[in-house]
């Protein structure tokens, strides 16, 4: 986690310096997100496909490269928590609700943007780097514990979480004259999240996330 903070802090200063150039603006934002899963193999992860989203937090940095009055490119880097509940039947305990937790670095390399007054509409590619993953299980005595093996390694003998996600993002921002902004974005991943490490068969389960953020854009002096 220390390395993540160091990387984000370094990028913060790099983008802040870059934003001093004409046409570029630098901003920071934070907010919350709701994540659900989609795909025909959700039953492999959760009984009857049950899922319930919980609120996660997100924080990140943005660089807007405005090439004209109405058009430009948006570049963003975010850290996000994604929490949800699933149902598990392990054959030992009765069916129980389990917390499925993940943390990502979300990268939006270049999203074409349209500007009109304070409104910004954008869409583009999305890349996600999975930092960790865990799911709650119960032991033979019914005690709940956090199982991090779902993150997986090269020697995994069961489930294996894909370390990279890729898809698209679409969003809407509104910025006030004082630099304060409010935004929402939708992310859809197209990389299967889990793989059966024994058969190398990927489960068709994909990310869908909705983010709501509040930010601030640093203006040129």
C-alpha atoms as a PDB file:
ATOM      1  CA  UNK A   1       0.000   0.000   0.000  1.00  0.00           C
ATOM      2  CA  UNK A   2       2.957   2.322   0.705  1.00  0.00           C
ATOM      3  CA  UNK A   3       4.123   1.891  -2.899  1.00  0.00           C
ATOM      4  CA  UNK A   4       0.650   2.832  -4.156  1.00  0.00           C
ATOM      5  CA  UNK A   5       0.651   6.071  -2.183  1.00  0.00           C
ATOM      6  CA  UNK A   6       4.182   6.882  -3.395  1.00  0.00           C
ATOM      7  CA  UNK A   7       3.214   6.263  -7.028  1.00  0.00           C
ATOM      8  CA  UNK A   8       0.050   8.374  -6.765  1.00  0.00           C
ATOM      9  CA  UNK A   9       1.938  11.200  -5.045  1.00  0.00           C
ATOM     10  CA  UNK A  10       4.624  11.184  -7.758  1.00  0.00           C
ATOM     11  CA  UNK A  11       2.008  11.272 -10.520  1.00  0.00           C
ATOM     12  CA  UNK A  12       0.226  14.073  -8.654  1.00  0.00           C
ATOM     13  CA  UNK A  13       3.271  16.335  -8.916  1.00  0.00           C
ATOM     14  CA  UNK A  14       4.071  15.301 -12.502  1.00  0.00           C
ATOM     15  CA  UNK A  15       0.549  16.118 -13.677  1.00  0.00           C
ATOM     16  CA  UNK A  16       0.461  19.294 -11.591  1.00  0.00           C
ATOM     17  CA  UNK A  17       3.623  20.541 -13.329  1.00  0.00           C
ATOM     18  CA  UNK A  18       2.267  19.477 -16.750  1.00  0.00           C
ATOM     19  CA  UNK A  19      -0.937  21.364 -16.066  1.00  0.00           C
ATOM     20  CA  UNK A  20       0.998  24.640 -16.026  1.00  0.00           C
ATOM     21  CA  UNK A  21       1.078  24.423 -19.823  1.00  0.00           C
ATOM     22  CA  UNK A  22      -1.491  26.375 -21.791  1.00  0.00           C
ATOM     23  CA  UNK A  23      -4.684  24.403 -22.458  1.00  0.00           C
ATOM     24  CA  UNK A  24      -4.085  21.906 -19.650  1.00  0.00           C
ATOM     25  CA  UNK A  25      -5.888  21.902 -16.313  1.00  0.00           C
ATOM     26  CA  UNK A  26      -5.185  19.690 -13.329  1.00  0.00           C
ATOM     27  CA  UNK A  27      -7.717  18.488 -10.774  1.00  0.00           C
ATOM     28  CA  UNK A  28      -8.310  16.146  -7.865  1.00  0.00           C
ATOM     29  CA  UNK A  29     -11.532  14.430  -6.877  1.00  0.00           C
ATOM     30  CA  UNK A  30     -12.969  11.823  -4.547  1.00  0.00           C
ATOM     31  CA  UNK A  31     -16.284  10.115  -4.061  1.00  0.00           C
ATOM     32  CA  UNK A  32     -18.156   6.862  -3.758  1.00  0.00           C
ATOM     33  CA  UNK A  33     -19.059   3.964  -6.018  1.00  0.00           C
ATOM     34  CA  UNK A  34     -21.458   1.067  -6.341  1.00  0.00           C
ATOM     35  CA  UNK A  35     -20.312  -2.108  -8.087  1.00  0.00           C
ATOM     36  CA  UNK A  36     -22.243  -5.066  -9.445  1.00  0.00           C
ATOM     37  CA  UNK A  37     -21.298  -7.973 -11.674  1.00  0.00           C
ATOM     38  CA  UNK A  38     -22.772  -9.050 -14.985  1.00  0.00           C
ATOM     39  CA  UNK A  39     -22.399 -12.166 -17.130  1.00  0.00           C
ATOM     40  CA  UNK A  40     -23.928 -15.617 -17.499  1.00  0.00           C
ATOM     41  CA  UNK A  41     -21.603 -17.371 -15.002  1.00  0.00           C
ATOM     42  CA  UNK A  42     -22.429 -15.304 -11.894  1.00  0.00           C
ATOM     43  CA  UNK A  43     -23.977 -18.446 -10.387  1.00  0.00           C
ATOM     44  CA  UNK A  44     -20.474 -19.937 -10.234  1.00  0.00           C
ATOM     45  CA  UNK A  45     -19.508 -17.222  -7.759  1.00  0.00           C
ATOM     46  CA  UNK A  46     -22.771 -16.623  -5.890  1.00  0.00           C
ATOM     47  CA  UNK A  47     -25.762 -18.898  -5.299  1.00  0.00           C
ATOM     48  CA  UNK A  48     -28.667 -18.102  -7.634  1.00  0.00           C
ATOM     49  CA  UNK A  49     -26.665 -15.125  -8.924  1.00  0.00           C
ATOM     50  CA  UNK A  50     -27.390 -13.151  -5.733  1.00  0.00           C
ATOM     51  CA  UNK A  51     -25.443  -9.903  -5.405  1.00  0.00           C
ATOM     52  CA  UNK A  52     -25.840  -6.699  -3.431  1.00  0.00           C
ATOM     53  CA  UNK A  53     -23.638  -3.651  -3.880  1.00  0.00           C
ATOM     54  CA  UNK A  54     -22.100  -1.794  -0.940  1.00  0.00           C
ATOM     55  CA  UNK A  55     -20.597   1.687  -1.011  1.00  0.00           C
ATOM     56  CA  UNK A  56     -16.888   1.911  -1.790  1.00  0.00           C
ATOM     57  CA  UNK A  57     -14.594   4.922  -1.833  1.00  0.00           C
ATOM     58  CA  UNK A  58     -12.536   6.374  -4.664  1.00  0.00           C
ATOM     59  CA  UNK A  59      -9.919   9.112  -4.999  1.00  0.00           C
ATOM     60  CA  UNK A  60      -7.922  10.277  -7.975  1.00  0.00           C
ATOM     61  CA  UNK A  61      -6.293  12.878 -10.173  1.00  0.00           C
ATOM     62  CA  UNK A  62      -7.369  14.315 -13.528  1.00  0.00           C
ATOM     63  CA  UNK A  63      -5.612  16.121 -16.360  1.00  0.00           C
ATOM     64  CA  UNK A  64      -7.828  17.826 -18.950  1.00  0.00           C
ATOM     65  CA  UNK A  65      -6.190  18.720 -22.265  1.00  0.00           C
ATOM     66  CA  UNK A  66      -8.554  21.152 -23.927  1.00  0.00           C
ATOM     67  CA  UNK A  67      -7.650  21.381 -27.626  1.00  0.00           C
ATOM     68  CA  UNK A  68     -10.424  23.845 -28.478  1.00  0.00           C
ATOM     69  CA  UNK A  69     -13.347  25.618 -26.829  1.00  0.00           C
ATOM     70  CA  UNK A  70     -15.583  22.564 -27.186  1.00  0.00           C
ATOM     71  CA  UNK A  71     -13.275  19.532 -27.427  1.00  0.00           C
ATOM     72  CA  UNK A  72     -10.381  17.938 -25.595  1.00  0.00           C
ATOM     73  CA  UNK A  73      -8.949  14.805 -23.964  1.00  0.00           C
ATOM     74  CA  UNK A  74      -9.327  13.707 -20.347  1.00  0.00           C
ATOM     75  CA  UNK A  75      -6.601  11.645 -18.608  1.00  0.00           C
ATOM     76  CA  UNK A  76      -7.316  10.157 -15.169  1.00  0.00           C
ATOM     77  CA  UNK A  77      -5.843   7.882 -12.516  1.00  0.00           C
ATOM     78  CA  UNK A  78      -7.973   6.663  -9.579  1.00  0.00           C
ATOM     79  CA  UNK A  79      -7.760   4.320  -6.624  1.00  0.00           C
ATOM     80  CA  UNK A  80     -11.079   2.605  -5.876  1.00  0.00           C
ATOM     81  CA  UNK A  81     -12.527   0.150  -3.384  1.00  0.00           C
ATOM     82  CA  UNK A  82     -15.279  -2.137  -4.632  1.00  0.00           C
ATOM     83  CA  UNK A  83     -17.491  -3.845  -2.082  1.00  0.00           C
ATOM     84  CA  UNK A  84     -20.423  -6.184  -2.567  1.00  0.00           C
ATOM     85  CA  UNK A  85     -22.205  -9.136  -0.963  1.00  0.00           C
ATOM     86  CA  UNK A  86     -22.666 -12.600  -2.466  1.00  0.00           C
ATOM     87  CA  UNK A  87     -24.166 -15.872  -1.173  1.00  0.00           C
ATOM     88  CA  UNK A  88     -22.072 -18.986  -0.599  1.00  0.00           C
ATOM     89  CA  UNK A  89     -22.994 -22.603   0.086  1.00  0.00           C
ATOM     90  CA  UNK A  90     -19.768 -24.443   0.961  1.00  0.00           C
ATOM     91  CA  UNK A  91     -21.438 -27.791   1.631  1.00  0.00           C
ATOM     92  CA  UNK A  92     -20.525 -27.585   5.325  1.00  0.00           C
ATOM     93  CA  UNK A  93     -22.475 -24.591   6.583  1.00  0.00           C
ATOM     94  CA  UNK A  94     -25.923 -23.488   5.538  1.00  0.00           C
ATOM     95  CA  UNK A  95     -26.033 -20.817   2.816  1.00  0.00           C
ATOM     96  CA  UNK A  96     -24.628 -17.535   4.120  1.00  0.00           C
ATOM     97  CA  UNK A  97     -24.024 -13.979   2.901  1.00  0.00           C
ATOM     98  CA  UNK A  98     -20.375 -13.184   2.246  1.00  0.00           C
ATOM     99  CA  UNK A  99     -18.518  -9.911   1.639  1.00  0.00           C
ATOM    100  CA  UNK A 100     -16.615  -9.840  -1.671  1.00  0.00           C
ATOM    101  CA  UNK A 101     -13.992  -7.061  -1.529  1.00  0.00           C
ATOM    102  CA  UNK A 102     -11.549  -5.755  -4.142  1.00  0.00           C
ATOM    103  CA  UNK A 103      -9.250  -2.778  -4.637  1.00  0.00           C
ATOM    104  CA  UNK A 104      -8.237  -1.377  -8.021  1.00  0.00           C
ATOM    105  CA  UNK A 105      -6.086   1.251  -9.643  1.00  0.00           C
ATOM    106  CA  UNK A 106      -8.345   2.609 -12.414  1.00  0.00           C
ATOM    107  CA  UNK A 107      -6.633   4.177 -15.434  1.00  0.00           C
ATOM    108  CA  UNK A 108      -8.463   6.240 -18.050  1.00  0.00           C
ATOM    109  CA  UNK A 109      -5.656   7.003 -20.536  1.00  0.00           C
ATOM    110  CA  UNK A 110      -7.453   9.276 -23.014  1.00  0.00           C
ATOM    111  CA  UNK A 111     -11.178  10.002 -23.072  1.00  0.00           C
ATOM    112  CA  UNK A 112     -12.417  12.312 -25.862  1.00  0.00           C
ATOM    113  CA  UNK A 113     -14.440  15.086 -24.204  1.00  0.00           C
ATOM    114  CA  UNK A 114     -17.083  17.574 -25.295  1.00  0.00           C
ATOM    115  CA  UNK A 115     -17.444  20.873 -23.388  1.00  0.00           C
ATOM    116  CA  UNK A 116     -20.410  23.211 -23.228  1.00  0.00           C
ATOM    117  CA  UNK A 117     -20.187  25.995 -20.669  1.00  0.00           C
ATOM    118  CA  UNK A 118     -19.604  24.158 -17.374  1.00  0.00           C
ATOM    119  CA  UNK A 119     -20.720  20.753 -18.674  1.00  0.00           C
ATOM    120  CA  UNK A 120     -18.276  18.072 -19.814  1.00  0.00           C
ATOM    121  CA  UNK A 121     -19.352  14.805 -21.470  1.00  0.00           C
ATOM    122  CA  UNK A 122     -16.709  12.158 -22.153  1.00  0.00           C
ATOM    123  CA  UNK A 123     -16.171   8.507 -23.052  1.00  0.00           C
ATOM    124  CA  UNK A 124     -13.140   6.350 -23.657  1.00  0.00           C
ATOM    125  CA  UNK A 125     -11.124   3.249 -22.740  1.00  0.00           C
ATOM    126  CA  UNK A 126     -10.660   1.948 -19.207  1.00  0.00           C
ATOM    127  CA  UNK A 127      -7.909  -0.179 -17.649  1.00  0.00           C
ATOM    128  CA  UNK A 128      -8.040  -1.626 -14.146  1.00  0.00           C
ATOM    129  CA  UNK A 129      -5.201  -3.119 -12.090  1.00  0.00           C
ATOM    130  CA  UNK A 130      -6.391  -5.408  -9.293  1.00  0.00           C
ATOM    131  CA  UNK A 131      -4.409  -4.781  -6.089  1.00  0.00           C
ATOM    132  CA  UNK A 132      -6.088  -7.380  -3.891  1.00  0.00           C
ATOM    133  CA  UNK A 133      -9.272  -9.399  -3.484  1.00  0.00           C
ATOM    134  CA  UNK A 134     -10.915 -11.304  -0.660  1.00  0.00           C
ATOM    135  CA  UNK A 135     -14.128 -13.125   0.161  1.00  0.00           C
ATOM    136  CA  UNK A 136     -15.598 -14.211   3.495  1.00  0.00           C
ATOM    137  CA  UNK A 137     -15.810 -17.938   4.240  1.00  0.00           C
ATOM    138  CA  UNK A 138     -16.792 -19.996   7.289  1.00  0.00           C
ATOM    139  CA  UNK A 139     -14.806 -22.757   8.973  1.00  0.00           C
ATOM    140  CA  UNK A 140     -16.216 -26.066  10.187  1.00  0.00           C
ATOM    141  CA  UNK A 141     -17.346 -24.386  13.410  1.00  0.00           C
ATOM    142  CA  UNK A 142     -19.267 -21.691  11.554  1.00  0.00           C
ATOM    143  CA  UNK A 143     -16.784 -18.921  12.334  1.00  0.00           C
ATOM    144  CA  UNK A 144     -16.398 -16.287   9.603  1.00  0.00           C
ATOM    145  CA  UNK A 145     -12.922 -15.478   8.287  1.00  0.00           C
ATOM    146  CA  UNK A 146     -11.487 -13.463   5.399  1.00  0.00           C
ATOM    147  CA  UNK A 147     -10.128 -15.655   2.610  1.00  0.00           C
ATOM    148  CA  UNK A 148      -7.604 -13.873   0.376  1.00  0.00           C
ATOM    149  CA  UNK A 149      -6.855 -16.925  -1.754  1.00  0.00           C
ATOM    150  CA  UNK A 150      -9.413 -15.749  -4.339  1.00  0.00           C
ATOM    151  CA  UNK A 151      -6.781 -13.196  -5.406  1.00  0.00           C
ATOM    152  CA  UNK A 152      -4.746 -16.171  -6.598  1.00  0.00           C
ATOM    153  CA  UNK A 153      -1.154 -16.800  -7.617  1.00  0.00           C
ATOM    154  CA  UNK A 154       0.516 -18.687 -10.445  1.00  0.00           C
ATOM    155  CA  UNK A 155       0.289 -21.835  -8.295  1.00  0.00           C
ATOM    156  CA  UNK A 156      -3.429 -21.455  -7.518  1.00  0.00           C
ATOM    157  CA  UNK A 157      -5.377 -24.718  -7.373  1.00  0.00           C
ATOM    158  CA  UNK A 158      -8.863 -23.213  -7.452  1.00  0.00           C
ATOM    159  CA  UNK A 159     -10.222 -19.764  -8.348  1.00  0.00           C
ATOM    160  CA  UNK A 160      -7.863 -17.155  -9.763  1.00  0.00           C
ATOM    161  CA  UNK A 161      -8.667 -13.436 -10.047  1.00  0.00           C
ATOM    162  CA  UNK A 162      -7.576 -11.749 -13.254  1.00  0.00           C
ATOM    163  CA  UNK A 163      -5.112  -9.006 -12.347  1.00  0.00           C
ATOM    164  CA  UNK A 164      -6.101  -6.735 -15.256  1.00  0.00           C
ATOM    165  CA  UNK A 165      -9.482  -5.451 -16.383  1.00  0.00           C
ATOM    166  CA  UNK A 166     -10.258  -3.500 -19.545  1.00  0.00           C
ATOM    167  CA  UNK A 167     -13.388  -1.907 -20.941  1.00  0.00           C
ATOM    168  CA  UNK A 168     -14.919   1.519 -21.400  1.00  0.00           C
ATOM    169  CA  UNK A 169     -15.916   4.524 -19.314  1.00  0.00           C
ATOM    170  CA  UNK A 170     -18.606   7.149 -19.965  1.00  0.00           C
ATOM    171  CA  UNK A 171     -19.101  10.167 -17.751  1.00  0.00           C
ATOM    172  CA  UNK A 172     -20.579  13.575 -17.112  1.00  0.00           C
ATOM    173  CA  UNK A 173     -19.065  16.469 -15.132  1.00  0.00           C
ATOM    174  CA  UNK A 174     -20.325  19.884 -14.178  1.00  0.00           C
ATOM    175  CA  UNK A 175     -17.773  22.490 -13.106  1.00  0.00           C
ATOM    176  CA  UNK A 176     -18.570  25.745 -11.305  1.00  0.00           C
ATOM    177  CA  UNK A 177     -16.620  28.945 -12.101  1.00  0.00           C
ATOM    178  CA  UNK A 178     -14.685  28.600  -8.812  1.00  0.00           C
ATOM    179  CA  UNK A 179     -13.258  25.207  -9.901  1.00  0.00           C
ATOM    180  CA  UNK A 180     -15.537  22.992  -7.801  1.00  0.00           C
ATOM    181  CA  UNK A 181     -16.943  20.116  -9.875  1.00  0.00           C
ATOM    182  CA  UNK A 182     -19.490  17.326  -9.562  1.00  0.00           C
ATOM    183  CA  UNK A 183     -19.330  14.203 -11.682  1.00  0.00           C
ATOM    184  CA  UNK A 184     -20.644  10.750 -12.374  1.00  0.00           C
ATOM    185  CA  UNK A 185     -19.155   7.966 -14.454  1.00  0.00           C
ATOM    186  CA  UNK A 186     -20.072   4.430 -15.509  1.00  0.00           C
ATOM    187  CA  UNK A 187     -17.457   1.701 -16.040  1.00  0.00           C
ATOM    188  CA  UNK A 188     -18.039  -1.559 -17.903  1.00  0.00           C
ATOM    189  CA  UNK A 189     -15.295  -4.173 -17.996  1.00  0.00           C
ATOM    190  CA  UNK A 190     -14.953  -6.836 -20.688  1.00  0.00           C
ATOM    191  CA  UNK A 191     -12.276  -9.056 -19.106  1.00  0.00           C
ATOM    192  CA  UNK A 192     -13.609 -12.113 -17.196  1.00  0.00           C
ATOM    193  CA  UNK A 193     -12.893 -11.577 -13.491  1.00  0.00           C
ATOM    194  CA  UNK A 194     -12.271 -15.164 -12.460  1.00  0.00           C
ATOM    195  CA  UNK A 195     -10.669 -18.261 -13.890  1.00  0.00           C
ATOM    196  CA  UNK A 196     -10.872 -21.863 -12.712  1.00  0.00           C
ATOM    197  CA  UNK A 197      -7.160 -22.517 -12.244  1.00  0.00           C
ATOM    198  CA  UNK A 198      -7.607 -26.277 -12.638  1.00  0.00           C
ATOM    199  CA  UNK A 199      -9.301 -26.194 -16.051  1.00  0.00           C
ATOM    200  CA  UNK A 200      -8.048 -22.742 -17.191  1.00  0.00           C
ATOM    201  CA  UNK A 201     -11.681 -21.951 -17.970  1.00  0.00           C
ATOM    202  CA  UNK A 202     -12.623 -18.292 -17.572  1.00  0.00           C
ATOM    203  CA  UNK A 203     -15.955 -17.523 -15.945  1.00  0.00           C
ATOM    204  CA  UNK A 204     -17.990 -14.970 -17.867  1.00  0.00           C
ATOM    205  CA  UNK A 205     -18.340 -12.492 -14.996  1.00  0.00           C
ATOM    206  CA  UNK A 206     -17.605  -8.809 -15.621  1.00  0.00           C
ATOM    207  CA  UNK A 207     -17.384  -5.526 -13.691  1.00  0.00           C
ATOM    208  CA  UNK A 208     -20.007  -2.790 -13.808  1.00  0.00           C
ATOM    209  CA  UNK A 209     -19.477   0.253 -11.571  1.00  0.00           C
ATOM    210  CA  UNK A 210     -21.171   3.610 -11.048  1.00  0.00           C
ATOM    211  CA  UNK A 211     -19.121   6.451  -9.511  1.00  0.00           C
ATOM    212  CA  UNK A 212     -20.224   9.791  -8.052  1.00  0.00           C
ATOM    213  CA  UNK A 213     -17.447  12.298  -7.318  1.00  0.00           C
ATOM    214  CA  UNK A 214     -16.757  15.803  -6.081  1.00  0.00           C
ATOM    215  CA  UNK A 215     -13.594  17.508  -7.286  1.00  0.00           C
ATOM    216  CA  UNK A 216     -11.603  20.678  -7.628  1.00  0.00           C
ATOM    217  CA  UNK A 217      -9.790  22.001 -10.721  1.00  0.00           C
ATOM    218  CA  UNK A 218      -6.690  24.152 -10.213  1.00  0.00           C
ATOM    219  CA  UNK A 219      -6.866  27.193 -12.433  1.00  0.00           C
ATOM    220  CA  UNK A 220      -3.920  28.949 -14.113  1.00  0.00           C
ATOM    221  CA  UNK A 221      -2.739  31.986 -12.193  1.00  0.00           C
END
